[in-house]
Amino acid sequence: MSIREIATVLNISIAAAHKRIQRARVKLME
């Protein structure tokens, strides 16, 4: 899904969706 689609599905802003995916990848690598 695109960032926009994720934001819509999760009912969050595009900025929040973008940031959560970035944080998830960092946490995943840790």
mmCIF file of all heavy atoms, coordinates in Angstrom:
data_MODEL
# 
_entry.id   MODEL 
# 
loop_
_atom_site.group_PDB 
_atom_site.id 
_atom_site.type_symbol 
_atom_site.label_atom_id 
_atom_site.label_alt_id 
_atom_site.label_comp_id 
_atom_site.label_asym_id 
_atom_site.label_entity_id 
_atom_site.label_seq_id 
_atom_site.pdbx_PDB_ins_code 
_atom_site.Cartn_x 
_atom_site.Cartn_y 
_atom_site.Cartn_z 
_atom_site.occupancy 
_atom_site.B_iso_or_equiv 
_atom_site.pdbx_formal_charge 
_atom_site.auth_seq_id 
_atom_site.auth_comp_id 
_atom_site.auth_asym_id 
_atom_site.auth_atom_id 
_atom_site.pdbx_PDB_model_num 
ATOM 1   N N   . MET A 1 1  ? 0.844  -1.189 0.000  1.00 0.00 ? 1  MET A N   1 
ATOM 2   C CA  . MET A 1 1  ? 0.000  0.000  0.000  1.00 0.00 ? 1  MET A CA  1 
ATOM 3   C C   . MET A 1 1  ? 0.884  1.246  0.000  1.00 0.00 ? 1  MET A C   1 
ATOM 4   O O   . MET A 1 1  ? 1.986  1.236  0.533  1.00 0.00 ? 1  MET A O   1 
ATOM 5   C CB  . MET A 1 1  ? -0.912 0.011  1.232  1.00 0.00 ? 1  MET A CB  1 
ATOM 6   C CG  . MET A 1 1  ? -1.925 -1.110 1.238  1.00 0.00 ? 1  MET A CG  1 
ATOM 7   S SD  . MET A 1 1  ? -2.972 -1.103 2.708  1.00 0.00 ? 1  MET A SD  1 
ATOM 8   C CE  . MET A 1 1  ? -4.191 0.097  2.185  1.00 0.00 ? 1  MET A CE  1 
ATOM 9   N N   . SER A 1 2  ? 0.361  2.303  -0.577 1.00 0.00 ? 2  SER A N   1 
ATOM 10  C CA  . SER A 1 2  ? 1.082  3.575  -0.565 1.00 0.00 ? 2  SER A CA  1 
ATOM 11  C C   . SER A 1 2  ? 0.940  4.206  0.822  1.00 0.00 ? 2  SER A C   1 
ATOM 12  O O   . SER A 1 2  ? 0.072  3.818  1.611  1.00 0.00 ? 2  SER A O   1 
ATOM 13  C CB  . SER A 1 2  ? 0.515  4.515  -1.618 1.00 0.00 ? 2  SER A CB  1 
ATOM 14  O OG  . SER A 1 2  ? -0.780 4.956  -1.238 1.00 0.00 ? 2  SER A OG  1 
ATOM 15  N N   . ILE A 1 3  ? 1.771  5.203  1.093  1.00 0.00 ? 3  ILE A N   1 
ATOM 16  C CA  . ILE A 1 3  ? 1.708  5.910  2.367  1.00 0.00 ? 3  ILE A CA  1 
ATOM 17  C C   . ILE A 1 3  ? 0.327  6.538  2.539  1.00 0.00 ? 3  ILE A C   1 
ATOM 18  O O   . ILE A 1 3  ? -0.267 6.491  3.615  1.00 0.00 ? 3  ILE A O   1 
ATOM 19  C CB  . ILE A 1 3  ? 2.810  6.999  2.448  1.00 0.00 ? 3  ILE A CB  1 
ATOM 20  C CG1 . ILE A 1 3  ? 4.196  6.362  2.322  1.00 0.00 ? 3  ILE A CG1 1 
ATOM 21  C CG2 . ILE A 1 3  ? 2.705  7.789  3.744  1.00 0.00 ? 3  ILE A CG2 1 
ATOM 22  C CD1 . ILE A 1 3  ? 4.540  5.340  3.353  1.00 0.00 ? 3  ILE A CD1 1 
ATOM 23  N N   . ARG A 1 4  ? -0.207 7.092  1.486  1.00 0.00 ? 4  ARG A N   1 
ATOM 24  C CA  . ARG A 1 4  ? -1.538 7.715  1.534  1.00 0.00 ? 4  ARG A CA  1 
ATOM 25  C C   . ARG A 1 4  ? -2.610 6.675  1.866  1.00 0.00 ? 4  ARG A C   1 
ATOM 26  O O   . ARG A 1 4  ? -3.490 6.923  2.678  1.00 0.00 ? 4  ARG A O   1 
ATOM 27  C CB  . ARG A 1 4  ? -1.860 8.380  0.211  1.00 0.00 ? 4  ARG A CB  1 
ATOM 28  C CG  . ARG A 1 4  ? -3.287 8.906  0.138  1.00 0.00 ? 4  ARG A CG  1 
ATOM 29  C CD  . ARG A 1 4  ? -3.472 9.644  -1.140 1.00 0.00 ? 4  ARG A CD  1 
ATOM 30  N NE  . ARG A 1 4  ? -3.203 11.021 -0.824 1.00 0.00 ? 4  ARG A NE  1 
ATOM 31  C CZ  . ARG A 1 4  ? -4.047 12.006 -1.072 1.00 0.00 ? 4  ARG A CZ  1 
ATOM 32  N NH1 . ARG A 1 4  ? -5.141 11.781 -1.709 1.00 0.00 ? 4  ARG A NH1 1 
ATOM 33  N NH2 . ARG A 1 4  ? -3.772 13.224 -0.717 1.00 0.00 ? 4  ARG A NH2 1 
ATOM 34  N N   . GLU A 1 5  ? -2.543 5.507  1.244  1.00 0.00 ? 5  GLU A N   1 
ATOM 35  C CA  . GLU A 1 5  ? -3.513 4.448  1.513  1.00 0.00 ? 5  GLU A CA  1 
ATOM 36  C C   . GLU A 1 5  ? -3.401 3.972  2.965  1.00 0.00 ? 5  GLU A C   1 
ATOM 37  O O   . GLU A 1 5  ? -4.416 3.748  3.632  1.00 0.00 ? 5  GLU A O   1 
ATOM 38  C CB  . GLU A 1 5  ? -3.295 3.266  0.569  1.00 0.00 ? 5  GLU A CB  1 
ATOM 39  C CG  . GLU A 1 5  ? -3.658 3.541  -0.862 1.00 0.00 ? 5  GLU A CG  1 
ATOM 40  C CD  . GLU A 1 5  ? -3.205 2.446  -1.823 1.00 0.00 ? 5  GLU A CD  1 
ATOM 41  O OE1 . GLU A 1 5  ? -2.133 1.831  -1.594 1.00 0.00 ? 5  GLU A OE1 1 
ATOM 42  O OE2 . GLU A 1 5  ? -3.927 2.214  -2.795 1.00 0.00 ? 5  GLU A OE2 1 
ATOM 43  N N   . ILE A 1 6  ? -2.192 3.837  3.451  1.00 0.00 ? 6  ILE A N   1 
ATOM 44  C CA  . ILE A 1 6  ? -1.978 3.428  4.839  1.00 0.00 ? 6  ILE A CA  1 
ATOM 45  C C   . ILE A 1 6  ? -2.566 4.465  5.782  1.00 0.00 ? 6  ILE A C   1 
ATOM 46  O O   . ILE A 1 6  ? -3.244 4.127  6.758  1.00 0.00 ? 6  ILE A O   1 
ATOM 47  C CB  . ILE A 1 6  ? -0.485 3.192  5.129  1.00 0.00 ? 6  ILE A CB  1 
ATOM 48  C CG1 . ILE A 1 6  ? 0.014  1.983  4.327  1.00 0.00 ? 6  ILE A CG1 1 
ATOM 49  C CG2 . ILE A 1 6  ? -0.225 2.999  6.625  1.00 0.00 ? 6  ILE A CG2 1 
ATOM 50  C CD1 . ILE A 1 6  ? 1.515  1.828  4.294  1.00 0.00 ? 6  ILE A CD1 1 
ATOM 51  N N   . ALA A 1 7  ? -2.319 5.719  5.499  1.00 0.00 ? 7  ALA A N   1 
ATOM 52  C CA  . ALA A 1 7  ? -2.860 6.799  6.334  1.00 0.00 ? 7  ALA A CA  1 
ATOM 53  C C   . ALA A 1 7  ? -4.384 6.736  6.364  1.00 0.00 ? 7  ALA A C   1 
ATOM 54  O O   . ALA A 1 7  ? -4.997 6.884  7.423  1.00 0.00 ? 7  ALA A O   1 
ATOM 55  C CB  . ALA A 1 7  ? -2.385 8.155  5.816  1.00 0.00 ? 7  ALA A CB  1 
ATOM 56  N N   . THR A 1 8  ? -4.995 6.459  5.234  1.00 0.00 ? 8  THR A N   1 
ATOM 57  C CA  . THR A 1 8  ? -6.450 6.371  5.163  1.00 0.00 ? 8  THR A CA  1 
ATOM 58  C C   . THR A 1 8  ? -6.964 5.166  5.947  1.00 0.00 ? 8  THR A C   1 
ATOM 59  O O   . THR A 1 8  ? -7.894 5.289  6.742  1.00 0.00 ? 8  THR A O   1 
ATOM 60  C CB  . THR A 1 8  ? -6.916 6.271  3.691  1.00 0.00 ? 8  THR A CB  1 
ATOM 61  O OG1 . THR A 1 8  ? -6.449 7.432  2.998  1.00 0.00 ? 8  THR A OG1 1 
ATOM 62  C CG2 . THR A 1 8  ? -8.419 6.187  3.593  1.00 0.00 ? 8  THR A CG2 1 
ATOM 63  N N   . VAL A 1 9  ? -6.361 4.005  5.735  1.00 0.00 ? 9  VAL A N   1 
ATOM 64  C CA  . VAL A 1 9  ? -6.800 2.784  6.405  1.00 0.00 ? 9  VAL A CA  1 
ATOM 65  C C   . VAL A 1 9  ? -6.640 2.904  7.922  1.00 0.00 ? 9  VAL A C   1 
ATOM 66  O O   . VAL A 1 9  ? -7.508 2.493  8.685  1.00 0.00 ? 9  VAL A O   1 
ATOM 67  C CB  . VAL A 1 9  ? -6.033 1.555  5.869  1.00 0.00 ? 9  VAL A CB  1 
ATOM 68  C CG1 . VAL A 1 9  ? -6.216 0.346  6.755  1.00 0.00 ? 9  VAL A CG1 1 
ATOM 69  C CG2 . VAL A 1 9  ? -6.469 1.246  4.451  1.00 0.00 ? 9  VAL A CG2 1 
ATOM 70  N N   . LEU A 1 10 ? -5.534 3.477  8.377  1.00 0.00 ? 10 LEU A N   1 
ATOM 71  C CA  . LEU A 1 10 ? -5.267 3.589  9.808  1.00 0.00 ? 10 LEU A CA  1 
ATOM 72  C C   . LEU A 1 10 ? -5.842 4.853  10.430 1.00 0.00 ? 10 LEU A C   1 
ATOM 73  O O   . LEU A 1 10 ? -5.725 5.058  11.632 1.00 0.00 ? 10 LEU A O   1 
ATOM 74  C CB  . LEU A 1 10 ? -3.751 3.520  10.068 1.00 0.00 ? 10 LEU A CB  1 
ATOM 75  C CG  . LEU A 1 10 ? -3.062 2.228  9.649  1.00 0.00 ? 10 LEU A CG  1 
ATOM 76  C CD1 . LEU A 1 10 ? -1.573 2.298  9.952  1.00 0.00 ? 10 LEU A CD1 1 
ATOM 77  C CD2 . LEU A 1 10 ? -3.691 1.027  10.326 1.00 0.00 ? 10 LEU A CD2 1 
ATOM 78  N N   . ASN A 1 11 ? -6.418 5.706  9.585  1.00 0.00 ? 11 ASN A N   1 
ATOM 79  C CA  . ASN A 1 11 ? -7.005 6.971  10.033 1.00 0.00 ? 11 ASN A CA  1 
ATOM 80  C C   . ASN A 1 11 ? -5.972 7.831  10.776 1.00 0.00 ? 11 ASN A C   1 
ATOM 81  O O   . ASN A 1 11 ? -6.208 8.323  11.876 1.00 0.00 ? 11 ASN A O   1 
ATOM 82  C CB  . ASN A 1 11 ? -8.235 6.736  10.902 1.00 0.00 ? 11 ASN A CB  1 
ATOM 83  C CG  . ASN A 1 11 ? -9.052 8.008  11.034 1.00 0.00 ? 11 ASN A CG  1 
ATOM 84  O OD1 . ASN A 1 11 ? -9.069 8.840  10.135 1.00 0.00 ? 11 ASN A OD1 1 
ATOM 85  N ND2 . ASN A 1 11 ? -9.737 8.157  12.153 1.00 0.00 ? 11 ASN A ND2 1 
ATOM 86  N N   . ILE A 1 12 ? -4.809 7.958  10.143 1.00 0.00 ? 12 ILE A N   1 
ATOM 87  C CA  . ILE A 1 12 ? -3.749 8.819  10.666 1.00 0.00 ? 12 ILE A CA  1 
ATOM 88  C C   . ILE A 1 12 ? -3.290 9.720  9.536  1.00 0.00 ? 12 ILE A C   1 
ATOM 89  O O   . ILE A 1 12 ? -3.653 9.519  8.379  1.00 0.00 ? 12 ILE A O   1 
ATOM 90  C CB  . ILE A 1 12 ? -2.555 7.996  11.224 1.00 0.00 ? 12 ILE A CB  1 
ATOM 91  C CG1 . ILE A 1 12 ? -1.956 7.081  10.141 1.00 0.00 ? 12 ILE A CG1 1 
ATOM 92  C CG2 . ILE A 1 12 ? -2.981 7.200  12.452 1.00 0.00 ? 12 ILE A CG2 1 
ATOM 93  C CD1 . ILE A 1 12 ? -0.723 6.295  10.586 1.00 0.00 ? 12 ILE A CD1 1 
ATOM 94  N N   . SER A 1 13 ? -2.484 10.691 9.857  1.00 0.00 ? 13 SER A N   1 
ATOM 95  C CA  . SER A 1 13 ? -1.985 11.591 8.818  1.00 0.00 ? 13 SER A CA  1 
ATOM 96  C C   . SER A 1 13 ? -0.918 10.893 7.977  1.00 0.00 ? 13 SER A C   1 
ATOM 97  O O   . SER A 1 13 ? -0.331 9.887  8.404  1.00 0.00 ? 13 SER A O   1 
ATOM 98  C CB  . SER A 1 13 ? -1.409 12.863 9.440  1.00 0.00 ? 13 SER A CB  1 
ATOM 99  O OG  . SER A 1 13 ? -0.213 12.559 10.132 1.00 0.00 ? 13 SER A OG  1 
ATOM 100 N N   . ILE A 1 14 ? -0.671 11.420 6.818  1.00 0.00 ? 14 ILE A N   1 
ATOM 101 C CA  . ILE A 1 14 ? 0.373  10.877 5.951  1.00 0.00 ? 14 ILE A CA  1 
ATOM 102 C C   . ILE A 1 14 ? 1.730  10.982 6.648  1.00 0.00 ? 14 ILE A C   1 
ATOM 103 O O   . ILE A 1 14 ? 2.543  10.058 6.591  1.00 0.00 ? 14 ILE A O   1 
ATOM 104 C CB  . ILE A 1 14 ? 0.380  11.605 4.586  1.00 0.00 ? 14 ILE A CB  1 
ATOM 105 C CG1 . ILE A 1 14 ? -0.883 11.232 3.811  1.00 0.00 ? 14 ILE A CG1 1 
ATOM 106 C CG2 . ILE A 1 14 ? 1.621  11.251 3.783  1.00 0.00 ? 14 ILE A CG2 1 
ATOM 107 C CD1 . ILE A 1 14 ? -1.081 12.002 2.528  1.00 0.00 ? 14 ILE A CD1 1 
ATOM 108 N N   . ALA A 1 15 ? 1.940  12.090 7.321  1.00 0.00 ? 15 ALA A N   1 
ATOM 109 C CA  . ALA A 1 15 ? 3.197  12.273 8.046  1.00 0.00 ? 15 ALA A CA  1 
ATOM 110 C C   . ALA A 1 15 ? 3.369  11.205 9.125  1.00 0.00 ? 15 ALA A C   1 
ATOM 111 O O   . ALA A 1 15 ? 4.459  10.654 9.295  1.00 0.00 ? 15 ALA A O   1 
ATOM 112 C CB  . ALA A 1 15 ? 3.241  13.669 8.674  1.00 0.00 ? 15 ALA A CB  1 
ATOM 113 N N   . ALA A 1 16 ? 2.282  10.895 9.831  1.00 0.00 ? 16 ALA A N   1 
ATOM 114 C CA  . ALA A 1 16 ? 2.351  9.871  10.884 1.00 0.00 ? 16 ALA A CA  1 
ATOM 115 C C   . ALA A 1 16 ? 2.617  8.493  10.281 1.00 0.00 ? 16 ALA A C   1 
ATOM 116 O O   . ALA A 1 16 ? 3.402  7.714  10.825 1.00 0.00 ? 16 ALA A O   1 
ATOM 117 C CB  . ALA A 1 16 ? 1.060  9.868  11.694 1.00 0.00 ? 16 ALA A CB  1 
ATOM 118 N N   . ALA A 1 17 ? 1.962  8.179  9.172  1.00 0.00 ? 17 ALA A N   1 
ATOM 119 C CA  . ALA A 1 17 ? 2.185  6.885  8.513  1.00 0.00 ? 17 ALA A CA  1 
ATOM 120 C C   . ALA A 1 17 ? 3.642  6.760  8.074  1.00 0.00 ? 17 ALA A C   1 
ATOM 121 O O   . ALA A 1 17 ? 4.281  5.725  8.280  1.00 0.00 ? 17 ALA A O   1 
ATOM 122 C CB  . ALA A 1 17 ? 1.250  6.726  7.318  1.00 0.00 ? 17 ALA A CB  1 
ATOM 123 N N   . HIS A 1 18 ? 4.150  7.809  7.468  1.00 0.00 ? 18 HIS A N   1 
ATOM 124 C CA  . HIS A 1 18 ? 5.541  7.848  7.009  1.00 0.00 ? 18 HIS A CA  1 
ATOM 125 C C   . HIS A 1 18 ? 6.492  7.622  8.180  1.00 0.00 ? 18 HIS A C   1 
ATOM 126 O O   . HIS A 1 18 ? 7.401  6.789  8.123  1.00 0.00 ? 18 HIS A O   1 
ATOM 127 C CB  . HIS A 1 18 ? 5.784  9.208  6.341  1.00 0.00 ? 18 HIS A CB  1 
ATOM 128 C CG  . HIS A 1 18 ? 7.125  9.363  5.741  1.00 0.00 ? 18 HIS A CG  1 
ATOM 129 N ND1 . HIS A 1 18 ? 8.203  9.845  6.442  1.00 0.00 ? 18 HIS A ND1 1 
ATOM 130 C CD2 . HIS A 1 18 ? 7.578  9.122  4.496  1.00 0.00 ? 18 HIS A CD2 1 
ATOM 131 C CE1 . HIS A 1 18 ? 9.253  9.892  5.659  1.00 0.00 ? 18 HIS A CE1 1 
ATOM 132 N NE2 . HIS A 1 18 ? 8.899  9.451  4.466  1.00 0.00 ? 18 HIS A NE2 1 
ATOM 133 N N   . LYS A 1 19 ? 6.268  8.331  9.269  1.00 0.00 ? 19 LYS A N   1 
ATOM 134 C CA  . LYS A 1 19 ? 7.148  8.252  10.429 1.00 0.00 ? 19 LYS A CA  1 
ATOM 135 C C   . LYS A 1 19 ? 7.065  6.879  11.096 1.00 0.00 ? 19 LYS A C   1 
ATOM 136 O O   . LYS A 1 19 ? 8.087  6.327  11.521 1.00 0.00 ? 19 LYS A O   1 
ATOM 137 C CB  . LYS A 1 19 ? 6.783  9.355  11.434 1.00 0.00 ? 19 LYS A CB  1 
ATOM 138 C CG  . LYS A 1 19 ? 7.837  9.574  12.473 1.00 0.00 ? 19 LYS A CG  1 
ATOM 139 C CD  . LYS A 1 19 ? 9.089  10.073 11.825 1.00 0.00 ? 19 LYS A CD  1 
ATOM 140 C CE  . LYS A 1 19 ? 10.135 10.445 12.837 1.00 0.00 ? 19 LYS A CE  1 
ATOM 141 N NZ  . LYS A 1 19 ? 11.406 10.762 12.203 1.00 0.00 ? 19 LYS A NZ  1 
ATOM 142 N N   . ARG A 1 20 ? 5.872  6.316  11.177 1.00 0.00 ? 20 ARG A N   1 
ATOM 143 C CA  . ARG A 1 20 ? 5.721  5.004  11.818 1.00 0.00 ? 20 ARG A CA  1 
ATOM 144 C C   . ARG A 1 20 ? 6.458  3.918  11.040 1.00 0.00 ? 20 ARG A C   1 
ATOM 145 O O   . ARG A 1 20 ? 7.050  3.012  11.625 1.00 0.00 ? 20 ARG A O   1 
ATOM 146 C CB  . ARG A 1 20 ? 4.242  4.638  11.954 1.00 0.00 ? 20 ARG A CB  1 
ATOM 147 C CG  . ARG A 1 20 ? 3.547  5.421  13.046 1.00 0.00 ? 20 ARG A CG  1 
ATOM 148 C CD  . ARG A 1 20 ? 2.109  5.020  13.191 1.00 0.00 ? 20 ARG A CD  1 
ATOM 149 N NE  . ARG A 1 20 ? 1.422  5.894  14.119 1.00 0.00 ? 20 ARG A NE  1 
ATOM 150 C CZ  . ARG A 1 20 ? 0.166  5.723  14.483 1.00 0.00 ? 20 ARG A CZ  1 
ATOM 151 N NH1 . ARG A 1 20 ? -0.548 4.718  13.990 1.00 0.00 ? 20 ARG A NH1 1 
ATOM 152 N NH2 . ARG A 1 20 ? -0.393 6.558  15.327 1.00 0.00 ? 20 ARG A NH2 1 
ATOM 153 N N   . ILE A 1 21 ? 6.425  3.997  9.726  1.00 0.00 ? 21 ILE A N   1 
ATOM 154 C CA  . ILE A 1 21 ? 7.129  2.999  8.925  1.00 0.00 ? 21 ILE A CA  1 
ATOM 155 C C   . ILE A 1 21 ? 8.639  3.161  9.116  1.00 0.00 ? 21 ILE A C   1 
ATOM 156 O O   . ILE A 1 21 ? 9.370  2.178  9.258  1.00 0.00 ? 21 ILE A O   1 
ATOM 157 C CB  . ILE A 1 21 ? 6.726  3.082  7.441  1.00 0.00 ? 21 ILE A CB  1 
ATOM 158 C CG1 . ILE A 1 21 ? 5.263  2.666  7.289  1.00 0.00 ? 21 ILE A CG1 1 
ATOM 159 C CG2 . ILE A 1 21 ? 7.622  2.196  6.580  1.00 0.00 ? 21 ILE A CG2 1 
ATOM 160 C CD1 . ILE A 1 21 ? 4.674  2.937  5.929  1.00 0.00 ? 21 ILE A CD1 1 
ATOM 161 N N   . GLN A 1 22 ? 9.104  4.400  9.145  1.00 0.00 ? 22 GLN A N   1 
ATOM 162 C CA  . GLN A 1 22 ? 10.528 4.627  9.388  1.00 0.00 ? 22 GLN A CA  1 
ATOM 163 C C   . GLN A 1 22 ? 10.936 4.074  10.756 1.00 0.00 ? 22 GLN A C   1 
ATOM 164 O O   . GLN A 1 22 ? 11.952 3.388  10.888 1.00 0.00 ? 22 GLN A O   1 
ATOM 165 C CB  . GLN A 1 22 ? 10.849 6.118  9.329  1.00 0.00 ? 22 GLN A CB  1 
ATOM 166 C CG  . GLN A 1 22 ? 10.871 6.687  7.941  1.00 0.00 ? 22 GLN A CG  1 
ATOM 167 C CD  . GLN A 1 22 ? 11.193 8.178  7.944  1.00 0.00 ? 22 GLN A CD  1 
ATOM 168 O OE1 . GLN A 1 22 ? 10.857 8.903  8.882  1.00 0.00 ? 22 GLN A OE1 1 
ATOM 169 N NE2 . GLN A 1 22 ? 11.823 8.630  6.885  1.00 0.00 ? 22 GLN A NE2 1 
ATOM 170 N N   . ARG A 1 23 ? 10.152 4.378  11.785 1.00 0.00 ? 23 ARG A N   1 
ATOM 171 C CA  . ARG A 1 23 ? 10.457 3.897  13.138 1.00 0.00 ? 23 ARG A CA  1 
ATOM 172 C C   . ARG A 1 23 ? 10.401 2.370  13.199 1.00 0.00 ? 23 ARG A C   1 
ATOM 173 O O   . ARG A 1 23 ? 11.216 1.746  13.888 1.00 0.00 ? 23 ARG A O   1 
ATOM 174 C CB  . ARG A 1 23 ? 9.479  4.490  14.142 1.00 0.00 ? 23 ARG A CB  1 
ATOM 175 C CG  . ARG A 1 23 ? 9.727  5.932  14.424 1.00 0.00 ? 23 ARG A CG  1 
ATOM 176 C CD  . ARG A 1 23 ? 8.749  6.473  15.438 1.00 0.00 ? 23 ARG A CD  1 
ATOM 177 N NE  . ARG A 1 23 ? 8.997  7.896  15.658 1.00 0.00 ? 23 ARG A NE  1 
ATOM 178 C CZ  . ARG A 1 23 ? 8.076  8.777  16.000 1.00 0.00 ? 23 ARG A CZ  1 
ATOM 179 N NH1 . ARG A 1 23 ? 6.820  8.376  16.171 1.00 0.00 ? 23 ARG A NH1 1 
ATOM 180 N NH2 . ARG A 1 23 ? 8.391  10.030 16.173 1.00 0.00 ? 23 ARG A NH2 1 
ATOM 181 N N   . ALA A 1 24 ? 9.445  1.777  12.495 1.00 0.00 ? 24 ALA A N   1 
ATOM 182 C CA  . ALA A 1 24 ? 9.323  0.319  12.490 1.00 0.00 ? 24 ALA A CA  1 
ATOM 183 C C   . ALA A 1 24 ? 10.564 -0.326 11.906 1.00 0.00 ? 24 ALA A C   1 
ATOM 184 O O   . ALA A 1 24 ? 11.059 -1.323 12.437 1.00 0.00 ? 24 ALA A O   1 
ATOM 185 C CB  . ALA A 1 24 ? 8.079  -0.102 11.708 1.00 0.00 ? 24 ALA A CB  1 
ATOM 186 N N   . ARG A 1 25 ? 11.071 0.231  10.828 1.00 0.00 ? 25 ARG A N   1 
ATOM 187 C CA  . ARG A 1 25 ? 12.268 -0.357 10.211 1.00 0.00 ? 25 ARG A CA  1 
ATOM 188 C C   . ARG A 1 25 ? 13.483 -0.228 11.132 1.00 0.00 ? 25 ARG A C   1 
ATOM 189 O O   . ARG A 1 25 ? 14.280 -1.152 11.245 1.00 0.00 ? 25 ARG A O   1 
ATOM 190 C CB  . ARG A 1 25 ? 12.535 0.280  8.851  1.00 0.00 ? 25 ARG A CB  1 
ATOM 191 C CG  . ARG A 1 25 ? 11.491 -0.221 7.844  1.00 0.00 ? 25 ARG A CG  1 
ATOM 192 C CD  . ARG A 1 25 ? 11.778 0.118  6.441  1.00 0.00 ? 25 ARG A CD  1 
ATOM 193 N NE  . ARG A 1 25 ? 13.063 -0.281 5.935  1.00 0.00 ? 25 ARG A NE  1 
ATOM 194 C CZ  . ARG A 1 25 ? 13.246 -1.086 4.911  1.00 0.00 ? 25 ARG A CZ  1 
ATOM 195 N NH1 . ARG A 1 25 ? 12.223 -1.611 4.292  1.00 0.00 ? 25 ARG A NH1 1 
ATOM 196 N NH2 . ARG A 1 25 ? 14.457 -1.344 4.467  1.00 0.00 ? 25 ARG A NH2 1 
ATOM 197 N N   . VAL A 1 26 ? 13.606 0.906  11.802 1.00 0.00 ? 26 VAL A N   1 
ATOM 198 C CA  . VAL A 1 26 ? 14.718 1.092  12.733 1.00 0.00 ? 26 VAL A CA  1 
ATOM 199 C C   . VAL A 1 26 ? 14.601 0.104  13.892 1.00 0.00 ? 26 VAL A C   1 
ATOM 200 O O   . VAL A 1 26 ? 15.573 -0.569 14.254 1.00 0.00 ? 26 VAL A O   1 
ATOM 201 C CB  . VAL A 1 26 ? 14.767 2.553  13.241 1.00 0.00 ? 26 VAL A CB  1 
ATOM 202 C CG1 . VAL A 1 26 ? 15.715 2.708  14.412 1.00 0.00 ? 26 VAL A CG1 1 
ATOM 203 C CG2 . VAL A 1 26 ? 15.153 3.490  12.105 1.00 0.00 ? 26 VAL A CG2 1 
ATOM 204 N N   . LYS A 1 27 ? 13.397 -0.010 14.481 1.00 0.00 ? 27 LYS A N   1 
ATOM 205 C CA  . LYS A 1 27 ? 13.178 -0.953 15.583 1.00 0.00 ? 27 LYS A CA  1 
ATOM 206 C C   . LYS A 1 27 ? 13.408 -2.390 15.129 1.00 0.00 ? 27 LYS A C   1 
ATOM 207 O O   . LYS A 1 27 ? 13.960 -3.202 15.866 1.00 0.00 ? 27 LYS A O   1 
ATOM 208 C CB  . LYS A 1 27 ? 11.752 -0.824 16.123 1.00 0.00 ? 27 LYS A CB  1 
ATOM 209 C CG  . LYS A 1 27 ? 11.505 0.401  16.923 1.00 0.00 ? 27 LYS A CG  1 
ATOM 210 C CD  . LYS A 1 27 ? 11.917 0.155  18.334 1.00 0.00 ? 27 LYS A CD  1 
ATOM 211 C CE  . LYS A 1 27 ? 11.429 1.301  19.190 1.00 0.00 ? 27 LYS A CE  1 
ATOM 212 N NZ  . LYS A 1 27 ? 12.091 1.343  20.460 1.00 0.00 ? 27 LYS A NZ  1 
ATOM 213 N N   . LEU A 1 28 ? 12.976 -2.686 13.919 1.00 0.00 ? 28 LEU A N   1 
ATOM 214 C CA  . LEU A 1 28 ? 13.162 -4.020 13.362 1.00 0.00 ? 28 LEU A CA  1 
ATOM 215 C C   . LEU A 1 28 ? 14.647 -4.346 13.259 1.00 0.00 ? 28 LEU A C   1 
ATOM 216 O O   . LEU A 1 28 ? 15.092 -5.420 13.658 1.00 0.00 ? 28 LEU A O   1 
ATOM 217 C CB  . LEU A 1 28 ? 12.492 -4.109 11.989 1.00 0.00 ? 28 LEU A CB  1 
ATOM 218 C CG  . LEU A 1 28 ? 12.495 -5.445 11.284 1.00 0.00 ? 28 LEU A CG  1 
ATOM 219 C CD1 . LEU A 1 28 ? 11.730 -6.482 12.093 1.00 0.00 ? 28 LEU A CD1 1 
ATOM 220 C CD2 . LEU A 1 28 ? 11.880 -5.306 9.900  1.00 0.00 ? 28 LEU A CD2 1 
ATOM 221 N N   . MET A 1 29 ? 15.428 -3.429 12.753 1.00 0.00 ? 29 MET A N   1 
ATOM 222 C CA  . MET A 1 29 ? 16.878 -3.648 12.625 1.00 0.00 ? 29 MET A CA  1 
ATOM 223 C C   . MET A 1 29 ? 17.523 -3.790 14.008 1.00 0.00 ? 29 MET A C   1 
ATOM 224 O O   . MET A 1 29 ? 18.412 -4.621 14.194 1.00 0.00 ? 29 MET A O   1 
ATOM 225 C CB  . MET A 1 29 ? 17.514 -2.521 11.820 1.00 0.00 ? 29 MET A CB  1 
ATOM 226 C CG  . MET A 1 29 ? 17.096 -2.579 10.374 1.00 0.00 ? 29 MET A CG  1 
ATOM 227 S SD  . MET A 1 29 ? 17.835 -1.413 9.190  1.00 0.00 ? 29 MET A SD  1 
ATOM 228 C CE  . MET A 1 29 ? 18.624 -0.196 10.130 1.00 0.00 ? 29 MET A CE  1 
ATOM 229 N N   . GLU A 1 30 ? 17.066 -3.000 14.981 1.00 0.00 ? 30 GLU A N   1 
ATOM 230 C CA  . GLU A 1 30 ? 17.601 -3.116 16.340 1.00 0.00 ? 30 GLU A CA  1 
ATOM 231 C C   . GLU A 1 30 ? 17.300 -4.492 16.925 1.00 0.00 ? 30 GLU A C   1 
ATOM 232 O O   . GLU A 1 30 ? 18.161 -5.129 17.523 1.00 0.00 ? 30 GLU A O   1 
ATOM 233 C CB  . GLU A 1 30 ? 17.007 -2.032 17.242 1.00 0.00 ? 30 GLU A CB  1 
ATOM 234 C CG  . GLU A 1 30 ? 17.497 -0.639 16.956 1.00 0.00 ? 30 GLU A CG  1 
ATOM 235 C CD  . GLU A 1 30 ? 16.730 0.425  17.739 1.00 0.00 ? 30 GLU A CD  1 
ATOM 236 O OE1 . GLU A 1 30 ? 15.815 0.086  18.538 1.00 0.00 ? 30 GLU A OE1 1 
ATOM 237 O OE2 . GLU A 1 30 ? 17.040 1.611  17.545 1.00 0.00 ? 30 GLU A OE2 1 
# 
